Amino acid sequence: MSPAADYVHTTSGNPVECTSGNLCAGVWDPAVGKYKVFFLYRCAQYSLSYWNGVGQAVNNQIGAAAFFYGQNGQVLDVALPENRPFTYDWTPVWSIRNC
């Protein structure tokens, strides 16, 4: 992910505690056999590399939607700020903007 963001590894398919102000995004990390959950707090557009398959996300930001973009910059989805995890297929996503 670029720019870099804080993350943790977890064995569960569910996101870890997603603190207020974060967009949390979890993707399977085959190198360690666990989910890698990123905490996107700083407002930025994050480029993704090798995010394939189904993972999870939680938008626990205050009043900010998150945007998922495809290869050509088109908006694939918008995640409204709801502190509820949802399952997501990251394969077509090339970047995320959390604000």
N, C-alpha and C. Protein backbone atom coordinates (compact mmCIF):
# COMPACT_ATOMS: atom_id res chain seq x y z
N MET A 1 0.85 -1.17 0.00
CA MET A 1 0.00 0.00 0.00
C MET A 1 0.90 1.24 0.00
N SER A 2 0.52 2.20 -0.80
CA SER A 2 1.29 3.44 -0.86
C SER A 2 0.32 4.63 -0.92
N PRO A 3 0.45 5.60 -0.02
CA PRO A 3 1.45 5.69 1.04
C PRO A 3 1.22 4.61 2.11
N ALA A 4 2.25 4.39 2.90
CA ALA A 4 2.19 3.37 3.94
C ALA A 4 1.14 3.72 4.99
N ALA A 5 0.57 2.67 5.59
CA ALA A 5 -0.41 2.85 6.67
C ALA A 5 -0.13 1.81 7.74
N ASP A 6 -0.54 2.11 8.96
CA ASP A 6 -0.40 1.14 10.05
C ASP A 6 -1.24 -0.08 9.74
N TYR A 7 -0.79 -1.24 10.21
CA TYR A 7 -1.55 -2.47 10.01
C TYR A 7 -1.23 -3.48 11.10
N VAL A 8 -2.08 -4.50 11.18
CA VAL A 8 -1.85 -5.66 12.05
C VAL A 8 -2.22 -6.90 11.25
N HIS A 9 -1.66 -8.04 11.65
CA HIS A 9 -2.07 -9.32 11.09
C HIS A 9 -3.05 -9.98 12.05
N THR A 10 -4.04 -10.68 11.51
CA THR A 10 -5.03 -11.37 12.32
C THR A 10 -5.41 -12.68 11.63
N THR A 11 -5.71 -13.68 12.41
CA THR A 11 -6.12 -14.96 11.83
C THR A 11 -7.60 -14.98 11.48
N SER A 12 -8.35 -14.07 12.05
CA SER A 12 -9.79 -14.01 11.81
C SER A 12 -10.08 -13.31 10.49
N GLY A 13 -11.16 -13.69 9.85
CA GLY A 13 -11.59 -13.00 8.65
C GLY A 13 -12.28 -11.68 8.96
N ASN A 14 -12.52 -11.42 10.24
CA ASN A 14 -13.18 -10.18 10.63
C ASN A 14 -12.14 -9.11 10.96
N PRO A 15 -12.45 -7.85 10.62
CA PRO A 15 -11.52 -6.79 10.96
C PRO A 15 -11.35 -6.68 12.47
N VAL A 16 -10.18 -6.28 12.87
CA VAL A 16 -9.92 -6.02 14.27
C VAL A 16 -10.66 -4.75 14.67
N GLU A 17 -10.57 -4.38 15.91
CA GLU A 17 -11.21 -3.15 16.39
C GLU A 17 -10.82 -1.98 15.48
N CYS A 18 -11.78 -1.38 14.85
CA CYS A 18 -11.54 -0.25 13.96
C CYS A 18 -11.90 1.02 14.72
N THR A 19 -10.90 1.69 15.22
CA THR A 19 -11.14 2.86 16.06
C THR A 19 -11.72 4.02 15.25
N SER A 20 -12.41 4.88 15.96
CA SER A 20 -13.06 6.03 15.35
C SER A 20 -12.06 6.85 14.54
N GLY A 21 -12.50 7.28 13.36
CA GLY A 21 -11.67 8.10 12.49
C GLY A 21 -10.92 7.30 11.44
N ASN A 22 -11.05 5.98 11.45
CA ASN A 22 -10.33 5.12 10.52
C ASN A 22 -11.25 4.47 9.49
N LEU A 23 -10.69 4.23 8.32
CA LEU A 23 -11.23 3.26 7.39
C LEU A 23 -10.31 2.06 7.54
N CYS A 24 -10.85 0.93 7.94
CA CYS A 24 -10.05 -0.28 8.13
C CYS A 24 -10.33 -1.23 6.98
N ALA A 25 -9.26 -1.74 6.38
CA ALA A 25 -9.40 -2.62 5.22
C ALA A 25 -8.52 -3.85 5.42
N GLY A 26 -9.14 -5.03 5.31
CA GLY A 26 -8.41 -6.28 5.52
C GLY A 26 -8.33 -7.09 4.24
N VAL A 27 -7.14 -7.60 3.96
CA VAL A 27 -6.89 -8.41 2.77
C VAL A 27 -6.04 -9.61 3.19
N TRP A 28 -6.24 -10.75 2.52
CA TRP A 28 -5.48 -11.95 2.82
C TRP A 28 -4.02 -11.75 2.42
N ASP A 29 -3.11 -12.09 3.33
CA ASP A 29 -1.67 -11.98 3.08
C ASP A 29 -1.11 -13.40 2.98
N PRO A 30 -0.94 -13.92 1.76
CA PRO A 30 -0.48 -15.30 1.60
C PRO A 30 0.94 -15.52 2.11
N ALA A 31 1.73 -14.47 2.22
CA ALA A 31 3.11 -14.62 2.69
C ALA A 31 3.15 -15.10 4.14
N VAL A 32 2.16 -14.73 4.95
CA VAL A 32 2.15 -15.14 6.36
C VAL A 32 0.92 -15.97 6.71
N GLY A 33 0.00 -16.16 5.76
CA GLY A 33 -1.19 -16.97 6.01
C GLY A 33 -2.16 -16.36 7.00
N LYS A 34 -2.26 -15.03 6.98
CA LYS A 34 -3.18 -14.31 7.86
C LYS A 34 -3.74 -13.11 7.10
N TYR A 35 -4.80 -12.53 7.67
CA TYR A 35 -5.32 -11.29 7.11
C TYR A 35 -4.45 -10.13 7.58
N LYS A 36 -4.23 -9.18 6.68
CA LYS A 36 -3.49 -7.96 6.99
C LYS A 36 -4.52 -6.84 7.00
N VAL A 37 -4.74 -6.22 8.15
CA VAL A 37 -5.75 -5.18 8.31
C VAL A 37 -5.05 -3.83 8.41
N PHE A 38 -5.34 -2.95 7.46
CA PHE A 38 -4.76 -1.61 7.41
C PHE A 38 -5.69 -0.61 8.06
N PHE A 39 -5.11 0.38 8.72
CA PHE A 39 -5.85 1.45 9.38
C PHE A 39 -5.58 2.75 8.62
N LEU A 40 -6.53 3.18 7.80
CA LEU A 40 -6.35 4.38 6.99
C LEU A 40 -6.96 5.56 7.73
N TYR A 41 -6.09 6.34 8.34
CA TYR A 41 -6.52 7.49 9.13
C TYR A 41 -6.24 8.80 8.39
N ARG A 42 -5.02 8.92 7.86
CA ARG A 42 -4.62 10.13 7.16
C ARG A 42 -5.35 10.22 5.83
N CYS A 43 -5.93 11.36 5.53
CA CYS A 43 -6.66 11.57 4.29
C CYS A 43 -5.70 11.47 3.11
N ALA A 44 -5.93 10.46 2.25
CA ALA A 44 -5.06 10.25 1.09
C ALA A 44 -5.73 9.28 0.13
N GLN A 45 -5.16 9.18 -1.05
CA GLN A 45 -5.54 8.12 -1.98
C GLN A 45 -4.43 7.07 -1.89
N TYR A 46 -4.80 5.86 -1.50
CA TYR A 46 -3.87 4.78 -1.26
C TYR A 46 -3.88 3.83 -2.45
N SER A 47 -2.71 3.62 -3.05
CA SER A 47 -2.58 2.66 -4.15
C SER A 47 -2.39 1.27 -3.57
N LEU A 48 -3.05 0.29 -4.16
CA LEU A 48 -2.99 -1.08 -3.67
C LEU A 48 -2.17 -1.94 -4.64
N SER A 49 -1.41 -2.86 -4.07
CA SER A 49 -0.64 -3.81 -4.88
C SER A 49 -0.94 -5.22 -4.39
N TYR A 50 -1.31 -6.08 -5.30
CA TYR A 50 -1.56 -7.50 -5.00
C TYR A 50 -2.69 -7.71 -4.00
N TRP A 51 -3.71 -6.89 -4.07
CA TRP A 51 -4.91 -7.11 -3.25
C TRP A 51 -5.85 -7.94 -4.10
N ASN A 52 -5.91 -9.22 -3.79
CA ASN A 52 -6.75 -10.13 -4.56
C ASN A 52 -7.65 -10.91 -3.63
N GLY A 53 -8.84 -11.19 -4.12
CA GLY A 53 -9.77 -12.01 -3.37
C GLY A 53 -10.61 -11.21 -2.38
N VAL A 54 -11.34 -11.98 -1.60
CA VAL A 54 -12.30 -11.39 -0.66
C VAL A 54 -11.62 -11.03 0.65
N GLY A 55 -11.95 -9.85 1.14
CA GLY A 55 -11.48 -9.38 2.43
C GLY A 55 -12.60 -8.63 3.11
N GLN A 56 -12.25 -7.73 4.00
CA GLN A 56 -13.25 -6.99 4.75
C GLN A 56 -12.86 -5.51 4.84
N ALA A 57 -13.87 -4.72 5.21
CA ALA A 57 -13.64 -3.29 5.45
C ALA A 57 -14.64 -2.80 6.49
N VAL A 58 -14.26 -1.72 7.17
CA VAL A 58 -15.14 -1.01 8.11
C VAL A 58 -14.83 0.47 7.92
N ASN A 59 -15.85 1.26 7.65
CA ASN A 59 -15.65 2.70 7.56
C ASN A 59 -16.15 3.32 8.86
N ASN A 60 -15.21 3.54 9.78
CA ASN A 60 -15.54 4.14 11.07
C ASN A 60 -15.05 5.58 11.14
N GLN A 61 -15.11 6.26 10.01
CA GLN A 61 -14.73 7.67 9.96
C GLN A 61 -15.93 8.52 10.40
N ILE A 62 -15.66 9.75 10.75
CA ILE A 62 -16.72 10.66 11.15
C ILE A 62 -17.16 11.46 9.93
N GLY A 63 -18.30 11.09 9.35
CA GLY A 63 -18.89 11.86 8.25
C GLY A 63 -18.18 11.79 6.92
N ALA A 64 -17.24 10.86 6.71
CA ALA A 64 -16.51 10.81 5.45
C ALA A 64 -16.75 9.48 4.74
N ALA A 65 -17.18 9.57 3.50
CA ALA A 65 -17.32 8.37 2.69
C ALA A 65 -15.95 7.94 2.19
N ALA A 66 -15.81 6.65 1.88
CA ALA A 66 -14.58 6.12 1.30
C ALA A 66 -14.90 5.68 -0.13
N PHE A 67 -13.94 5.88 -1.02
CA PHE A 67 -14.13 5.57 -2.43
C PHE A 67 -13.15 4.50 -2.86
N PHE A 68 -13.65 3.49 -3.58
CA PHE A 68 -12.82 2.42 -4.11
C PHE A 68 -12.76 2.61 -5.62
N TYR A 69 -11.55 2.64 -6.17
CA TYR A 69 -11.34 2.94 -7.58
C TYR A 69 -10.77 1.74 -8.34
N GLY A 70 -11.15 1.63 -9.61
CA GLY A 70 -10.65 0.59 -10.49
C GLY A 70 -9.39 1.01 -11.21
N GLN A 71 -8.95 0.16 -12.11
CA GLN A 71 -7.70 0.35 -12.84
C GLN A 71 -7.64 1.67 -13.59
N ASN A 72 -8.75 2.10 -14.15
CA ASN A 72 -8.77 3.33 -14.95
C ASN A 72 -9.23 4.55 -14.16
N GLY A 73 -9.27 4.42 -12.84
CA GLY A 73 -9.66 5.54 -12.00
C GLY A 73 -11.15 5.70 -11.79
N GLN A 74 -11.94 4.77 -12.33
CA GLN A 74 -13.38 4.86 -12.17
C GLN A 74 -13.78 4.43 -10.76
N VAL A 75 -14.81 5.07 -10.23
CA VAL A 75 -15.32 4.71 -8.90
C VAL A 75 -16.06 3.38 -9.02
N LEU A 76 -15.61 2.41 -8.25
CA LEU A 76 -16.28 1.10 -8.21
C LEU A 76 -17.35 1.06 -7.14
N ASP A 77 -17.03 1.65 -5.98
CA ASP A 77 -17.95 1.63 -4.84
C ASP A 77 -17.68 2.80 -3.93
N VAL A 78 -18.70 3.12 -3.13
CA VAL A 78 -18.59 4.13 -2.10
C VAL A 78 -19.04 3.48 -0.79
N ALA A 79 -18.21 3.60 0.23
CA ALA A 79 -18.55 3.05 1.55
C ALA A 79 -18.89 4.22 2.48
N LEU A 80 -20.13 4.29 2.87
CA LEU A 80 -20.57 5.35 3.78
C LEU A 80 -20.06 5.07 5.19
N PRO A 81 -19.95 6.11 6.00
CA PRO A 81 -19.44 5.91 7.37
C PRO A 81 -20.45 5.19 8.25
N GLU A 82 -20.25 3.90 8.38
CA GLU A 82 -21.06 3.06 9.27
C GLU A 82 -20.07 2.15 9.98
N ASN A 83 -20.15 2.10 11.26
CA ASN A 83 -19.20 1.26 12.00
C ASN A 83 -19.65 -0.19 11.98
N ARG A 84 -19.78 -0.74 10.73
CA ARG A 84 -20.16 -2.13 10.55
C ARG A 84 -19.24 -2.76 9.51
N PRO A 85 -18.67 -3.92 9.82
CA PRO A 85 -17.82 -4.58 8.83
C PRO A 85 -18.64 -5.10 7.65
N PHE A 86 -18.03 -5.08 6.49
CA PHE A 86 -18.65 -5.68 5.32
C PHE A 86 -17.59 -6.43 4.52
N THR A 87 -18.02 -7.46 3.83
CA THR A 87 -17.14 -8.28 3.00
C THR A 87 -16.98 -7.59 1.65
N TYR A 88 -15.75 -7.66 1.11
CA TYR A 88 -15.50 -6.97 -0.15
C TYR A 88 -14.49 -7.74 -0.99
N ASP A 89 -14.74 -7.82 -2.30
CA ASP A 89 -13.80 -8.43 -3.23
C ASP A 89 -12.83 -7.35 -3.71
N TRP A 90 -11.58 -7.45 -3.28
CA TRP A 90 -10.58 -6.43 -3.58
C TRP A 90 -9.97 -6.57 -4.98
N THR A 91 -10.23 -7.67 -5.67
CA THR A 91 -9.54 -7.94 -6.93
C THR A 91 -9.61 -6.79 -7.93
N PRO A 92 -10.77 -6.16 -8.18
CA PRO A 92 -10.80 -5.08 -9.17
C PRO A 92 -10.36 -3.72 -8.63
N VAL A 93 -10.05 -3.62 -7.34
CA VAL A 93 -9.72 -2.33 -6.72
C VAL A 93 -8.23 -2.03 -6.86
N TRP A 94 -7.94 -0.86 -7.39
CA TRP A 94 -6.54 -0.43 -7.58
C TRP A 94 -6.15 0.66 -6.58
N SER A 95 -7.13 1.36 -6.04
CA SER A 95 -6.82 2.39 -5.02
C SER A 95 -8.05 2.68 -4.17
N ILE A 96 -7.78 3.26 -3.00
CA ILE A 96 -8.82 3.64 -2.04
C ILE A 96 -8.54 5.08 -1.63
N ARG A 97 -9.60 5.88 -1.59
CA ARG A 97 -9.51 7.23 -1.03
C ARG A 97 -10.44 7.25 0.17
N ASN A 98 -9.89 7.56 1.33
CA ASN A 98 -10.66 7.47 2.56
C ASN A 98 -11.29 8.78 2.99
N CYS A 99 -11.28 9.78 2.13
CA CYS A 99 -11.88 11.07 2.52
C CYS A 99 -12.37 11.81 1.29
